[in-house]
Amino acid sequence: MAPTELLVREDSPRLSEGEETVFVEFLDFECESCIALYPVIEDLRAEYGDRVSFVVRHMPLHANSVDAALAAEAAGEQGQFEAMYQRLFETDHEWGHQPTSQQETFFGYAADLGLDMDRFEADFHDPATLARIEQSQRDAQAVGVTGTPTFFLDGQRLDPTSVDDLHASVEAVLND
């Protein structure tokens, strides 16, 4: 069992506020497996979001994933983490695995979301925003995360071999 304080910090982004159990995903917005599982996680949120708190933790491993995480966190400062999270996953084919910075693309997404761009830029470049992402990476390493996505359910690491395993794990905890 992983220590709760390393899995969920006070400032960890939450995609839902269910109170019965906590589902944590360490992710990288540029990770192919995270992208492939994004619709599955969205289905889980739709089905269980009223009972499960879905928490995002960053573990950027690819060239543009730190900036993607910064964009999500900066959007979160304006209450739009979820919208940016969805936009980043749904548009990965536009910006992912590019050899050059995609910061301009992320700023375009922020503008599309109607964010205050001066505030978004300030939050994006704020050292405290990067520090939250780096803390998430340190927490990931401390609980043995070596790749993305990695899931925890109420502190227990999940090692699903199928989509059905994820659903079954959540169901089992909720019905326990």
C-alpha atoms as a PDB file:
ATOM      1  CA  MET A   1       0.000   0.000   0.000  1.00  0.00           C
ATOM      2  CA  ALA A   2       1.394   3.377  -1.023  1.00  0.00           C
ATOM      3  CA  PRO A   3       1.348   6.210   1.524  1.00  0.00           C
ATOM      4  CA  THR A   4      -1.696   8.402   0.884  1.00  0.00           C
ATOM      5  CA  GLU A   5       0.280  11.632   1.252  1.00  0.00           C
ATOM      6  CA  LEU A   6       2.478  10.597  -1.686  1.00  0.00           C
ATOM      7  CA  LEU A   7      -0.469   9.670  -3.885  1.00  0.00           C
ATOM      8  CA  VAL A   8      -2.727  12.648  -3.297  1.00  0.00           C
ATOM      9  CA  ARG A   9      -1.495  16.069  -2.317  1.00  0.00           C
ATOM     10  CA  GLU A  10      -3.731  18.960  -1.337  1.00  0.00           C
ATOM     11  CA  ASP A  11      -3.023  20.610  -4.700  1.00  0.00           C
ATOM     12  CA  SER A  12      -3.418  17.443  -6.810  1.00  0.00           C
ATOM     13  CA  PRO A  13      -5.921  18.044  -9.621  1.00  0.00           C
ATOM     14  CA  ARG A  14      -9.210  16.208  -9.189  1.00  0.00           C
ATOM     15  CA  LEU A  15     -11.494  15.334 -12.071  1.00  0.00           C
ATOM     16  CA  SER A  16     -14.328  14.360  -9.735  1.00  0.00           C
ATOM     17  CA  GLU A  17     -15.043  14.664  -6.040  1.00  0.00           C
ATOM     18  CA  GLY A  18     -16.617  11.312  -5.174  1.00  0.00           C
ATOM     19  CA  GLU A  19     -16.115  10.456  -1.527  1.00  0.00           C
ATOM     20  CA  GLU A  20     -16.208   6.657  -1.367  1.00  0.00           C
ATOM     21  CA  THR A  21     -12.839   5.847  -2.910  1.00  0.00           C
ATOM     22  CA  VAL A  22      -9.830   7.481  -4.581  1.00  0.00           C
ATOM     23  CA  PHE A  23      -8.530   6.550  -8.045  1.00  0.00           C
ATOM     24  CA  VAL A  24      -5.118   8.048  -8.851  1.00  0.00           C
ATOM     25  CA  GLU A  25      -3.554   8.067 -12.295  1.00  0.00           C
ATOM     26  CA  PHE A  26       0.075   8.999 -12.841  1.00  0.00           C
ATOM     27  CA  LEU A  27       0.070  10.129 -16.452  1.00  0.00           C
ATOM     28  CA  ASP A  28       1.945  11.790 -19.264  1.00  0.00           C
ATOM     29  CA  PHE A  29      -0.190  13.688 -21.787  1.00  0.00           C
ATOM     30  CA  GLU A  30       2.125  12.487 -24.569  1.00  0.00           C
ATOM     31  CA  CYS A  31       2.177   8.806 -23.543  1.00  0.00           C
ATOM     32  CA  GLU A  32       0.612   6.510 -26.145  1.00  0.00           C
ATOM     33  CA  SER A  33      -0.825   4.168 -23.516  1.00  0.00           C
ATOM     34  CA  CYS A  34      -2.302   7.093 -21.560  1.00  0.00           C
ATOM     35  CA  ILE A  35      -3.864   8.390 -24.773  1.00  0.00           C
ATOM     36  CA  ALA A  36      -5.265   4.952 -25.597  1.00  0.00           C
ATOM     37  CA  LEU A  37      -6.755   4.608 -22.096  1.00  0.00           C
ATOM     38  CA  TYR A  38      -8.125   8.162 -21.959  1.00  0.00           C
ATOM     39  CA  PRO A  39     -11.592   7.096 -23.264  1.00  0.00           C
ATOM     40  CA  VAL A  40     -11.644   4.265 -20.720  1.00  0.00           C
ATOM     41  CA  ILE A  41     -10.871   6.668 -17.869  1.00  0.00           C
ATOM     42  CA  GLU A  42     -13.578   9.009 -19.175  1.00  0.00           C
ATOM     43  CA  ASP A  43     -16.035   6.081 -19.127  1.00  0.00           C
ATOM     44  CA  LEU A  44     -15.010   5.249 -15.549  1.00  0.00           C
ATOM     45  CA  ARG A  45     -15.514   8.879 -14.556  1.00  0.00           C
ATOM     46  CA  ALA A  46     -18.945   8.956 -16.190  1.00  0.00           C
ATOM     47  CA  GLU A  47     -19.974   5.773 -14.418  1.00  0.00           C
ATOM     48  CA  TYR A  48     -18.377   6.286 -11.006  1.00  0.00           C
ATOM     49  CA  GLY A  49     -17.495   9.987 -10.702  1.00  0.00           C
ATOM     50  CA  ASP A  50     -20.207  10.595  -8.133  1.00  0.00           C
ATOM     51  CA  ARG A  51     -18.646   7.964  -5.857  1.00  0.00           C
ATOM     52  CA  VAL A  52     -14.962   8.018  -6.818  1.00  0.00           C
ATOM     53  CA  SER A  53     -12.505  10.886  -6.605  1.00  0.00           C
ATOM     54  CA  PHE A  54     -10.401  10.737  -9.782  1.00  0.00           C
ATOM     55  CA  VAL A  55      -7.015  12.346  -9.129  1.00  0.00           C
ATOM     56  CA  VAL A  56      -4.402  13.247 -11.739  1.00  0.00           C
ATOM     57  CA  ARG A  57      -0.693  13.141 -10.965  1.00  0.00           C
ATOM     58  CA  HIS A  58       1.897  14.193 -13.508  1.00  0.00           C
ATOM     59  CA  MET A  59       4.832  12.082 -14.611  1.00  0.00           C
ATOM     60  CA  PRO A  60       6.015  13.758 -17.810  1.00  0.00           C
ATOM     61  CA  LEU A  61       8.412  11.562 -19.750  1.00  0.00           C
ATOM     62  CA  HIS A  62       8.263  12.944 -23.305  1.00  0.00           C
ATOM     63  CA  ALA A  63       9.589  16.065 -25.030  1.00  0.00           C
ATOM     64  CA  ASN A  64       6.476  18.242 -24.778  1.00  0.00           C
ATOM     65  CA  SER A  65       4.814  16.641 -21.786  1.00  0.00           C
ATOM     66  CA  VAL A  66       6.215  19.042 -19.176  1.00  0.00           C
ATOM     67  CA  ASP A  67       4.736  21.967 -21.102  1.00  0.00           C
ATOM     68  CA  ALA A  68       1.469  20.034 -21.496  1.00  0.00           C
ATOM     69  CA  ALA A  69       1.360  19.495 -17.731  1.00  0.00           C
ATOM     70  CA  LEU A  70       2.161  23.180 -17.178  1.00  0.00           C
ATOM     71  CA  ALA A  71      -0.720  24.112 -19.493  1.00  0.00           C
ATOM     72  CA  ALA A  72      -3.126  21.865 -17.593  1.00  0.00           C
ATOM     73  CA  GLU A  73      -1.986  23.215 -14.231  1.00  0.00           C
ATOM     74  CA  ALA A  74      -2.151  26.836 -15.426  1.00  0.00           C
ATOM     75  CA  ALA A  75      -5.670  26.232 -16.750  1.00  0.00           C
ATOM     76  CA  GLY A  76      -6.489  24.691 -13.388  1.00  0.00           C
ATOM     77  CA  GLU A  77      -5.631  27.966 -11.693  1.00  0.00           C
ATOM     78  CA  GLN A  78      -8.684  29.345 -13.513  1.00  0.00           C
ATOM     79  CA  GLY A  79     -10.861  26.341 -12.750  1.00  0.00           C
ATOM     80  CA  GLN A  80     -10.328  24.768 -16.161  1.00  0.00           C
ATOM     81  CA  PHE A  81      -7.986  21.850 -15.442  1.00  0.00           C
ATOM     82  CA  GLU A  82     -10.508  19.294 -16.673  1.00  0.00           C
ATOM     83  CA  ALA A  83     -11.185  21.182 -19.908  1.00  0.00           C
ATOM     84  CA  MET A  84      -7.455  21.452 -20.681  1.00  0.00           C
ATOM     85  CA  TYR A  85      -6.878  17.814 -19.648  1.00  0.00           C
ATOM     86  CA  GLN A  86      -9.518  16.729 -22.149  1.00  0.00           C
ATOM     87  CA  ARG A  87      -8.225  19.051 -24.860  1.00  0.00           C
ATOM     88  CA  LEU A  88      -4.655  17.791 -24.487  1.00  0.00           C
ATOM     89  CA  PHE A  89      -5.665  14.144 -24.783  1.00  0.00           C
ATOM     90  CA  GLU A  90      -8.117  14.756 -27.616  1.00  0.00           C
ATOM     91  CA  THR A  91      -5.569  16.715 -29.680  1.00  0.00           C
ATOM     92  CA  ASP A  92      -2.383  14.750 -28.993  1.00  0.00           C
ATOM     93  CA  HIS A  93      -2.208  13.910 -32.705  1.00  0.00           C
ATOM     94  CA  GLU A  94      -1.701  17.651 -33.350  1.00  0.00           C
ATOM     95  CA  TRP A  95       1.130  18.303 -30.916  1.00  0.00           C
ATOM     96  CA  GLY A  96       2.446  15.028 -29.537  1.00  0.00           C
ATOM     97  CA  HIS A  97       5.874  13.661 -30.379  1.00  0.00           C
ATOM     98  CA  GLN A  98       6.979  16.860 -32.096  1.00  0.00           C
ATOM     99  CA  PRO A  99      10.684  17.721 -31.979  1.00  0.00           C
ATOM    100  CA  THR A 100       9.967  21.400 -31.255  1.00  0.00           C
ATOM    101  CA  SER A 101       8.218  23.145 -28.403  1.00  0.00           C
ATOM    102  CA  GLN A 102       4.432  23.094 -28.617  1.00  0.00           C
ATOM    103  CA  GLN A 103       3.985  25.895 -26.100  1.00  0.00           C
ATOM    104  CA  GLU A 104       2.278  28.089 -28.721  1.00  0.00           C
ATOM    105  CA  THR A 105      -0.237  25.303 -29.389  1.00  0.00           C
ATOM    106  CA  PHE A 106      -1.017  25.008 -25.682  1.00  0.00           C
ATOM    107  CA  PHE A 107      -1.497  28.767 -25.420  1.00  0.00           C
ATOM    108  CA  GLY A 108      -3.906  28.518 -28.357  1.00  0.00           C
ATOM    109  CA  TYR A 109      -5.902  25.896 -26.479  1.00  0.00           C
ATOM    110  CA  ALA A 110      -6.034  28.200 -23.449  1.00  0.00           C
ATOM    111  CA  ALA A 111      -7.360  31.020 -25.623  1.00  0.00           C
ATOM    112  CA  ASP A 112      -9.943  28.655 -27.141  1.00  0.00           C
ATOM    113  CA  LEU A 113     -11.091  27.800 -23.608  1.00  0.00           C
ATOM    114  CA  GLY A 114     -11.633  31.501 -22.936  1.00  0.00           C
ATOM    115  CA  LEU A 115      -8.971  31.756 -20.262  1.00  0.00           C
ATOM    116  CA  ASP A 116      -7.511  35.057 -19.109  1.00  0.00           C
ATOM    117  CA  MET A 117      -4.348  34.837 -21.188  1.00  0.00           C
ATOM    118  CA  ASP A 118      -2.225  37.162 -19.052  1.00  0.00           C
ATOM    119  CA  ARG A 119      -3.012  35.052 -16.011  1.00  0.00           C
ATOM    120  CA  PHE A 120      -2.523  31.796 -17.938  1.00  0.00           C
ATOM    121  CA  GLU A 121       0.908  32.929 -19.134  1.00  0.00           C
ATOM    122  CA  ALA A 122       1.907  34.032 -15.633  1.00  0.00           C
ATOM    123  CA  ASP A 123       0.758  30.719 -14.120  1.00  0.00           C
ATOM    124  CA  PHE A 124       2.390  28.698 -16.919  1.00  0.00           C
ATOM    125  CA  HIS A 125       5.753  30.369 -16.226  1.00  0.00           C
ATOM    126  CA  ASP A 126       5.371  30.514 -12.429  1.00  0.00           C
ATOM    127  CA  PRO A 127       8.105  28.412 -10.777  1.00  0.00           C
ATOM    128  CA  ALA A 128       5.471  27.156  -8.303  1.00  0.00           C
ATOM    129  CA  THR A 129       3.575  25.507 -11.169  1.00  0.00           C
ATOM    130  CA  LEU A 130       6.669  23.619 -12.294  1.00  0.00           C
ATOM    131  CA  ALA A 131       7.411  22.759  -8.656  1.00  0.00           C
ATOM    132  CA  ARG A 132       3.998  21.010  -8.352  1.00  0.00           C
ATOM    133  CA  ILE A 133       4.789  18.901 -11.421  1.00  0.00           C
ATOM    134  CA  GLU A 134       8.260  18.065 -10.128  1.00  0.00           C
ATOM    135  CA  GLN A 135       6.759  17.094  -6.745  1.00  0.00           C
ATOM    136  CA  SER A 136       4.373  14.781  -8.552  1.00  0.00           C
ATOM    137  CA  GLN A 137       7.347  13.155 -10.300  1.00  0.00           C
ATOM    138  CA  ARG A 138       9.179  12.700  -6.988  1.00  0.00           C
ATOM    139  CA  ASP A 139       6.057  11.204  -5.425  1.00  0.00           C
ATOM    140  CA  ALA A 140       5.713   8.834  -8.385  1.00  0.00           C
ATOM    141  CA  GLN A 141       9.272   7.629  -7.951  1.00  0.00           C
ATOM    142  CA  ALA A 142       8.802   7.263  -4.187  1.00  0.00           C
ATOM    143  CA  VAL A 143       5.833   4.906  -4.676  1.00  0.00           C
ATOM    144  CA  GLY A 144       7.609   2.891  -7.359  1.00  0.00           C
ATOM    145  CA  VAL A 145       6.062   4.315 -10.508  1.00  0.00           C
ATOM    146  CA  THR A 146       8.386   3.683 -13.448  1.00  0.00           C
ATOM    147  CA  GLY A 147       6.063   4.334 -16.376  1.00  0.00           C
ATOM    148  CA  THR A 148       2.731   5.719 -17.415  1.00  0.00           C
ATOM    149  CA  PRO A 149      -0.067   5.218 -16.953  1.00  0.00           C
ATOM    150  CA  THR A 150       0.120   3.859 -13.429  1.00  0.00           C
ATOM    151  CA  PHE A 151      -3.037   3.547 -11.347  1.00  0.00           C
ATOM    152  CA  PHE A 152      -3.747   3.356  -7.629  1.00  0.00           C
ATOM    153  CA  LEU A 153      -7.110   2.648  -6.059  1.00  0.00           C
ATOM    154  CA  ASP A 154      -7.373   3.517  -2.371  1.00  0.00           C
ATOM    155  CA  GLY A 155      -3.599   3.268  -2.090  1.00  0.00           C
ATOM    156  CA  GLN A 156      -3.302  -0.121  -3.785  1.00  0.00           C
ATOM    157  CA  ARG A 157      -1.414  -0.217  -7.050  1.00  0.00           C
ATOM    158  CA  LEU A 158      -3.447  -1.653  -9.901  1.00  0.00           C
ATOM    159  CA  ASP A 159      -1.806  -3.719 -12.602  1.00  0.00           C
ATOM    160  CA  PRO A 160      -4.695  -4.194 -15.018  1.00  0.00           C
ATOM    161  CA  THR A 161      -4.230  -6.456 -18.006  1.00  0.00           C
ATOM    162  CA  SER A 162      -7.473  -5.323 -19.610  1.00  0.00           C
ATOM    163  CA  VAL A 163     -10.049  -2.561 -19.575  1.00  0.00           C
ATOM    164  CA  ASP A 164     -12.371  -4.939 -17.768  1.00  0.00           C
ATOM    165  CA  ASP A 165      -9.794  -5.230 -14.967  1.00  0.00           C
ATOM    166  CA  LEU A 166     -10.052  -1.484 -14.312  1.00  0.00           C
ATOM    167  CA  HIS A 167     -13.846  -1.610 -14.128  1.00  0.00           C
ATOM    168  CA  ALA A 168     -13.757  -4.735 -11.949  1.00  0.00           C
ATOM    169  CA  SER A 169     -11.252  -3.166  -9.545  1.00  0.00           C
ATOM    170  CA  VAL A 170     -13.403  -0.080  -9.043  1.00  0.00           C
ATOM    171  CA  GLU A 171     -16.546  -2.191  -8.659  1.00  0.00           C
ATOM    172  CA  ALA A 172     -14.856  -4.457  -6.110  1.00  0.00           C
ATOM    173  CA  VAL A 173     -13.760  -1.539  -3.930  1.00  0.00           C
ATOM    174  CA  LEU A 174     -17.147   0.163  -4.125  1.00  0.00           C
ATOM    175  CA  ASN A 175     -18.998  -3.032  -3.269  1.00  0.00           C
ATOM    176  CA  ASP A 176     -16.645  -4.069  -0.473  1.00  0.00           C
END
